[in-house]
Amino acid sequence: MTTEPVRTKRRPLLIAVAIAVVLAVVASVVVITLTNVAHQQRRESLSVLKDERLTALVEARGKVQPAVNSYLAAYKKARNVPATQEEAEKNSAKERDEFQQAINSARTALSNVQAGNGAGGEGDTMPVAAAQLADSYQAYLDSMEGLVESYPLFEGLFREDAGCSGLFVGSKAATLRERQTLLGQAAVPCREAVNQLKQSKNISYVEFARTLDNEIAQLESHAETTAKSEENYNEFVRLKDEYVKKIDDATARNATDAEYLKIADELKAVNTRIKNNRSEFDFAAKRYLNGVKGMPALVDDVFSKNISADIKHHDAVIPIRVQVVKDAIDAELAE
């Protein structure tokens, strides 16, 4: 008769254990179901990313470059009427707006790709590939935006009475010192414009501005050297007249050999100074002229070489990174 109470006490414990087991099984089923749902959602998201969002990304980028070219052509045409920078910007406003729409659409397409990327699972390569694509794509958009935004400033740098046009003052100066003075005055507004161009988001403009800034400094240095050499030459002409008079006086006095030797030594020293001055002048003058002659090529290279190379780089890299993302998606979907 003593076993009955024990059986009664164990029943609630057994019931509790059974309930716990049932709840654990239910929880496991719920976890598995949620995992399957999340996995399915991930697969659907990846499919949309590959078939729709990446396609939209590529299509949006394809509209940017034509919009850039259209704006640049419209602005340059308006500026050559001739027109002021403000008038040219007004007359190319339509093309400018169309470019901005293309950029905005491309940025939206990029945002959609980033939103559809997701974290992925441990070891998944797709998020990393998508991040690399985003970096390259963003760099391209920033470069094109900087190209358009800074174009009026770049295009107007060497126009008459604007920016850096005053650097070429050779024919306006009567002396080399006057040329150096005029150059220094012209360099002030030029540097202001160059410093503005250094803030561009387009790296080709920035590198050009830095090179031009250095070229201006070189011109100023060479202009100072040639001006000083010209002044030294005038001093040498005066010294020559003094020594001619000194020799005539020595001859008239029947001076001693020692006095003649002293005059000869002084003349040697003057001749050495003249020779060194001539070398400095030739060196600086040659580089000054080369700097002036090289300006047109420096400007032309911005578009013909540097910007063209930058665009080719992006045209080569971005499609590869798009394909890498697609391959990573296919690999994850195949698991």
Protein backbone atom coordinates (compact mmCIF):
# COMPACT_ATOMS: atom_id res chain seq x y z
CA MET A 1 0.00 0.00 0.00
CA THR A 2 3.06 2.29 0.17
CA THR A 3 3.66 2.44 -3.61
CA GLU A 4 0.49 4.37 -4.50
CA PRO A 5 1.62 7.73 -3.15
CA VAL A 6 4.94 7.38 -5.00
CA ARG A 7 3.12 6.71 -8.26
CA THR A 8 0.99 9.79 -7.63
CA LYS A 9 4.00 12.01 -7.01
CA ARG A 10 5.82 10.84 -10.17
CA ARG A 11 2.91 11.49 -12.51
CA PRO A 12 3.24 15.33 -12.57
CA LEU A 13 7.00 14.96 -13.12
CA LEU A 14 6.50 12.59 -16.05
CA ILE A 15 3.88 14.90 -17.53
CA ALA A 16 6.27 17.87 -17.23
CA VAL A 17 9.08 15.93 -18.91
CA ALA A 18 6.77 14.86 -21.71
CA ILE A 19 5.59 18.41 -22.27
CA ALA A 20 9.20 19.63 -22.35
CA VAL A 21 10.09 17.01 -24.95
CA VAL A 22 7.09 17.97 -27.07
CA LEU A 23 7.99 21.65 -26.82
CA ALA A 24 11.59 20.93 -27.79
CA VAL A 25 10.44 18.96 -30.83
CA VAL A 26 8.03 21.76 -31.78
CA ALA A 27 10.79 24.33 -31.33
CA SER A 28 13.12 22.30 -33.53
CA VAL A 29 10.44 22.11 -36.20
CA VAL A 30 9.90 25.88 -35.95
CA VAL A 31 13.66 26.55 -36.23
CA ILE A 32 13.96 24.25 -39.23
CA THR A 33 10.92 25.88 -40.84
CA LEU A 34 12.26 29.39 -40.23
CA THR A 35 15.69 28.36 -41.53
CA ASN A 36 14.12 26.93 -44.67
CA VAL A 37 12.02 30.07 -45.14
CA ALA A 38 15.07 32.32 -44.68
CA HIS A 39 17.08 30.17 -47.07
CA GLN A 40 14.31 30.32 -49.66
CA GLN A 41 14.02 34.08 -49.24
CA ARG A 42 17.79 34.37 -49.66
CA ARG A 43 17.65 32.36 -52.89
CA GLU A 44 14.81 34.48 -54.23
CA SER A 45 16.70 37.66 -53.28
CA LEU A 46 19.82 36.44 -55.07
CA SER A 47 17.84 35.57 -58.18
CA VAL A 48 16.30 39.04 -58.26
CA LEU A 49 19.75 40.56 -57.69
CA LYS A 50 21.24 38.67 -60.61
CA ASP A 51 18.38 38.83 -63.12
CA GLU A 52 17.00 42.30 -62.40
CA ARG A 53 19.14 44.55 -60.25
CA LEU A 54 22.51 43.82 -61.84
CA THR A 55 20.93 44.19 -65.28
CA ALA A 56 19.50 47.56 -64.24
CA LEU A 57 22.91 48.56 -62.87
CA VAL A 58 24.62 47.83 -66.18
CA GLU A 59 21.91 49.58 -68.20
CA ALA A 60 22.04 52.67 -65.98
CA ARG A 61 25.81 52.97 -66.37
CA GLY A 62 25.45 52.67 -70.12
CA LYS A 63 23.46 55.91 -70.15
CA VAL A 64 26.02 57.95 -68.18
CA GLN A 65 28.79 58.31 -70.76
CA PRO A 66 26.49 59.47 -73.61
CA ALA A 67 25.01 62.04 -71.22
CA VAL A 68 28.52 63.24 -70.34
CA ASN A 69 29.50 63.61 -73.98
CA SER A 70 26.25 65.40 -74.79
CA TYR A 71 26.77 67.95 -72.04
CA LEU A 72 30.44 68.61 -72.84
CA ALA A 73 29.60 69.18 -76.50
CA ALA A 74 26.67 71.45 -75.66
CA TYR A 75 28.67 73.54 -73.20
CA LYS A 76 31.65 73.93 -75.53
CA LYS A 77 29.39 74.89 -78.43
CA ALA A 78 27.65 77.50 -76.29
CA ARG A 79 30.97 78.88 -74.99
CA ASN A 80 32.34 79.29 -78.52
CA VAL A 81 29.48 81.54 -79.69
CA PRO A 82 31.21 83.38 -77.87
CA ALA A 83 29.53 83.50 -74.51
CA THR A 84 30.46 83.95 -70.89
CA GLN A 85 30.70 80.96 -68.59
CA GLU A 86 27.33 81.85 -67.05
CA GLU A 87 25.69 82.09 -70.49
CA ALA A 88 27.23 78.82 -71.61
CA GLU A 89 25.98 77.06 -68.47
CA LYS A 90 22.49 78.45 -69.06
CA ASN A 91 22.48 77.38 -72.72
CA SER A 92 23.62 73.86 -71.83
CA ALA A 93 21.30 73.46 -68.84
CA LYS A 94 19.12 70.88 -70.61
CA GLU A 95 22.06 68.55 -71.24
CA ARG A 96 23.32 69.18 -67.70
CA ASP A 97 19.96 68.11 -66.25
CA GLU A 98 19.88 65.01 -68.44
CA PHE A 99 23.33 64.07 -67.19
CA GLN A 100 22.24 64.53 -63.58
CA GLN A 101 19.22 62.32 -64.20
CA ALA A 102 21.51 59.63 -65.62
CA ILE A 103 23.81 59.87 -62.60
CA ASN A 104 20.88 59.73 -60.18
CA SER A 105 19.47 56.68 -61.92
CA ALA A 106 22.85 54.96 -61.76
CA ARG A 107 23.18 55.73 -58.06
CA THR A 108 19.68 54.37 -57.44
CA ALA A 109 20.57 51.19 -59.33
CA LEU A 110 23.69 50.84 -57.19
CA SER A 111 21.68 51.33 -53.99
CA ASN A 112 19.28 48.60 -55.11
CA VAL A 113 22.15 46.20 -55.69
CA GLN A 114 23.61 46.99 -52.28
CA ALA A 115 20.19 46.52 -50.64
CA GLY A 116 19.76 43.14 -52.34
CA ASN A 117 23.23 41.98 -51.41
CA GLY A 118 22.59 40.91 -47.84
CA ALA A 119 25.10 39.49 -45.42
CA GLY A 120 25.18 35.95 -46.81
CA GLY A 121 26.43 32.95 -44.88
CA GLU A 122 29.83 32.19 -43.47
CA GLY A 123 32.31 31.71 -46.29
CA ASP A 124 30.03 33.21 -48.96
CA THR A 125 32.04 35.22 -51.52
CA MET A 126 29.10 37.10 -53.02
CA PRO A 127 28.91 39.94 -50.44
CA VAL A 128 32.64 40.60 -50.88
CA ALA A 129 32.34 40.56 -54.67
CA ALA A 130 29.34 42.89 -54.50
CA ALA A 131 31.22 45.31 -52.24
CA GLN A 132 34.14 45.42 -54.69
CA LEU A 133 31.74 46.09 -57.54
CA ALA A 134 30.10 48.89 -55.55
CA ASP A 135 33.48 50.52 -54.90
CA SER A 136 34.41 50.51 -58.60
CA TYR A 137 30.96 51.65 -59.69
CA GLN A 138 30.90 54.47 -57.15
CA ALA A 139 34.38 55.59 -58.21
CA TYR A 140 33.21 55.73 -61.83
CA LEU A 141 30.13 57.80 -60.99
CA ASP A 142 32.16 60.20 -58.84
CA SER A 143 34.70 60.59 -61.64
CA MET A 144 32.03 61.36 -64.24
CA GLU A 145 30.25 63.75 -61.90
CA GLY A 146 33.51 65.58 -61.23
CA LEU A 147 34.24 65.65 -64.96
CA VAL A 148 30.99 67.48 -65.66
CA GLU A 149 30.91 69.71 -62.58
CA SER A 150 34.46 71.01 -63.08
CA TYR A 151 34.40 71.26 -66.87
CA PRO A 152 33.41 74.96 -67.03
CA LEU A 153 36.36 75.83 -64.81
CA PHE A 154 38.80 73.64 -66.73
CA GLU A 155 37.54 74.79 -70.12
CA GLY A 156 37.87 78.45 -69.18
CA LEU A 157 41.34 78.37 -67.62
CA PHE A 158 43.19 79.70 -70.65
CA ARG A 159 40.48 81.74 -72.29
CA GLU A 160 41.25 85.40 -72.91
CA ASP A 161 41.17 87.57 -69.76
CA ALA A 162 40.26 84.58 -67.61
CA GLY A 163 42.06 82.18 -65.33
CA CYS A 164 45.57 81.50 -66.57
CA SER A 165 45.55 83.36 -69.89
CA GLY A 166 47.74 86.11 -68.41
CA LEU A 167 50.67 83.73 -67.98
CA PHE A 168 51.79 84.29 -71.58
CA VAL A 169 53.16 87.82 -71.23
CA GLY A 170 56.32 87.62 -73.35
CA SER A 171 55.29 90.09 -76.05
CA LYS A 172 53.75 92.50 -73.53
CA ALA A 173 56.96 93.16 -71.61
CA ALA A 174 59.77 95.54 -72.62
CA THR A 175 62.27 93.91 -70.26
CA LEU A 176 62.67 90.52 -68.61
CA ARG A 177 62.08 92.10 -65.20
CA GLU A 178 58.80 93.50 -66.45
CA ARG A 179 57.92 90.06 -67.78
CA GLN A 180 58.66 88.57 -64.38
CA THR A 181 56.46 91.17 -62.69
CA LEU A 182 53.55 90.65 -65.09
CA LEU A 183 53.86 86.89 -64.70
CA GLY A 184 53.71 87.18 -60.93
CA GLN A 185 50.55 89.27 -61.20
CA ALA A 186 48.93 86.82 -63.64
CA ALA A 187 49.81 83.84 -61.45
CA VAL A 188 47.52 85.06 -58.64
CA PRO A 189 44.13 84.50 -60.36
CA CYS A 190 45.52 81.46 -62.15
CA ARG A 191 46.43 79.79 -58.86
CA GLU A 192 43.01 80.58 -57.46
CA ALA A 193 41.40 78.76 -60.38
CA VAL A 194 43.89 75.90 -60.14
CA ASN A 195 43.21 75.45 -56.43
CA GLN A 196 39.49 75.23 -57.18
CA LEU A 197 40.17 72.57 -59.79
CA LYS A 198 42.15 70.58 -57.22
CA GLN A 199 38.86 70.06 -55.35
CA SER A 200 37.29 68.19 -58.29
CA LYS A 201 36.08 64.61 -57.86
CA ASN A 202 37.73 63.78 -61.17
CA ILE A 203 41.29 62.62 -60.55
CA SER A 204 42.49 63.67 -64.04
CA TYR A 205 41.50 67.28 -63.31
CA VAL A 206 43.20 67.10 -59.92
CA GLU A 207 46.45 65.73 -61.35
CA PHE A 208 46.38 68.35 -64.11
CA ALA A 209 45.84 71.12 -61.56
CA ARG A 210 48.77 69.90 -59.47
CA THR A 211 51.02 69.70 -62.53
CA LEU A 212 49.93 73.14 -63.70
CA ASP A 213 50.57 74.59 -60.25
CA ASN A 214 54.09 73.21 -60.40
CA GLU A 215 54.57 74.56 -63.93
CA ILE A 216 53.51 78.03 -62.79
CA ALA A 217 56.06 77.89 -59.99
CA GLN A 218 58.73 76.83 -62.47
CA LEU A 219 57.85 79.68 -64.84
CA GLU A 220 58.09 82.16 -61.99
CA SER A 221 61.46 80.77 -60.93
CA HIS A 222 62.88 80.84 -64.46
CA ALA A 223 61.46 84.32 -65.07
CA GLU A 224 63.20 85.60 -61.94
CA THR A 225 66.51 83.99 -62.99
CA THR A 226 66.43 85.45 -66.50
CA ALA A 227 65.42 88.88 -65.18
CA LYS A 228 68.30 88.84 -62.71
CA SER A 229 70.69 87.66 -65.44
CA GLU A 230 69.60 90.54 -67.67
CA GLU A 231 70.27 93.00 -64.85
CA ASN A 232 73.64 91.37 -64.23
CA TYR A 233 74.49 91.78 -67.90
CA ASN A 234 73.80 95.50 -67.70
CA GLU A 235 76.13 95.62 -64.69
CA PHE A 236 78.82 93.78 -66.69
CA VAL A 237 78.54 96.39 -69.48
CA ARG A 238 79.14 99.11 -66.90
CA LEU A 239 82.13 97.19 -65.49
CA LYS A 240 83.57 96.78 -68.97
CA ASP A 241 83.53 100.54 -69.49
CA GLU A 242 85.21 101.03 -66.09
CA TYR A 243 87.99 98.55 -66.92
CA VAL A 244 88.59 100.11 -70.33
CA LYS A 245 89.08 103.44 -68.57
CA LYS A 246 91.26 101.82 -65.88
CA ILE A 247 93.53 100.22 -68.51
CA ASP A 248 93.77 103.49 -70.44
CA ASP A 249 94.74 105.30 -67.23
CA ALA A 250 97.34 102.63 -66.38
CA THR A 251 98.80 102.90 -69.86
CA ALA A 252 98.94 106.68 -69.66
CA ARG A 253 100.76 106.45 -66.31
CA ASN A 254 103.10 103.71 -67.57
CA ALA A 255 101.90 101.53 -64.69
CA THR A 256 103.95 98.72 -63.28
CA ASP A 257 103.59 95.10 -64.31
CA ALA A 258 102.12 94.32 -60.91
CA GLU A 259 99.29 96.81 -61.49
CA TYR A 260 98.57 95.29 -64.91
CA LEU A 261 98.56 91.80 -63.39
CA LYS A 262 96.10 92.93 -60.73
CA ILE A 263 93.79 94.35 -63.39
CA ALA A 264 94.13 91.12 -65.37
CA ASP A 265 93.15 89.03 -62.33
CA GLU A 266 90.12 91.24 -61.75
CA LEU A 267 89.09 90.85 -65.37
CA LYS A 268 89.39 87.06 -65.10
CA ALA A 269 87.04 87.10 -62.12
CA VAL A 270 84.58 89.29 -64.01
CA ASN A 271 84.77 87.00 -67.04
CA THR A 272 84.02 83.99 -64.80
CA ARG A 273 80.96 85.80 -63.43
CA ILE A 274 79.86 86.64 -66.98
CA LYS A 275 80.28 83.02 -68.05
CA ASN A 276 78.29 81.71 -65.06
CA ASN A 277 75.61 84.33 -65.59
CA ARG A 278 75.29 83.33 -69.24
CA SER A 279 74.94 79.66 -68.29
CA GLU A 280 72.24 80.45 -65.74
CA PHE A 281 70.43 82.62 -68.25
CA ASP A 282 70.54 80.01 -71.02
CA PHE A 283 69.36 77.27 -68.66
CA ALA A 284 66.44 79.31 -67.28
CA ALA A 285 65.46 80.84 -70.62
CA LYS A 286 65.32 77.46 -72.35
CA ARG A 287 63.14 75.96 -69.65
CA TYR A 288 60.91 79.00 -69.54
CA LEU A 289 60.24 78.73 -73.26
CA ASN A 290 59.72 74.97 -73.02
CA GLY A 291 57.22 75.51 -70.21
CA VAL A 292 55.23 77.99 -72.28
CA LYS A 293 55.36 75.82 -75.41
CA GLY A 294 54.32 72.76 -73.41
CA MET A 295 51.14 74.32 -71.99
CA PRO A 296 48.86 73.39 -74.94
CA ALA A 297 49.96 69.74 -74.79
CA LEU A 298 49.50 69.72 -71.02
CA VAL A 299 45.90 70.86 -71.48
CA ASP A 300 45.17 68.55 -74.42
CA ASP A 301 46.46 65.51 -72.54
CA VAL A 302 43.77 65.88 -69.89
CA PHE A 303 41.09 64.58 -72.25
CA SER A 304 43.09 62.89 -75.00
CA LYS A 305 45.11 60.75 -72.59
CA ASN A 306 44.26 60.97 -68.89
CA ILE A 307 40.46 61.06 -68.82
CA SER A 308 40.32 58.64 -71.73
CA ALA A 309 42.55 56.20 -69.84
CA ASP A 310 40.44 56.56 -66.69
CA ILE A 311 37.25 55.74 -68.60
CA LYS A 312 38.89 52.75 -70.29
CA HIS A 313 39.98 51.49 -66.87
CA HIS A 314 36.43 51.60 -65.53
CA ASP A 315 35.06 50.07 -68.74
CA ALA A 316 37.42 47.15 -68.26
CA VAL A 317 37.04 46.64 -64.51
CA ILE A 318 33.31 47.10 -63.87
CA PRO A 319 32.03 44.42 -66.32
CA ILE A 320 34.48 41.94 -64.81
CA ARG A 321 33.25 42.68 -61.31
CA VAL A 322 29.64 42.38 -62.43
CA GLN A 323 30.42 38.93 -63.81
CA VAL A 324 32.23 37.95 -60.60
CA VAL A 325 29.11 38.83 -58.60
CA LYS A 326 26.96 36.76 -60.96
CA ASP A 327 29.32 33.80 -60.66
CA ALA A 328 29.28 34.11 -56.86
CA ILE A 329 25.46 34.15 -56.91
CA ASP A 330 25.37 31.04 -59.13
CA ALA A 331 27.76 29.28 -56.75
CA GLU A 332 25.61 30.14 -53.73
CA LEU A 333 22.39 29.08 -55.49
CA ALA A 334 23.98 25.77 -56.45
CA GLU A 335 24.65 24.83 -52.83
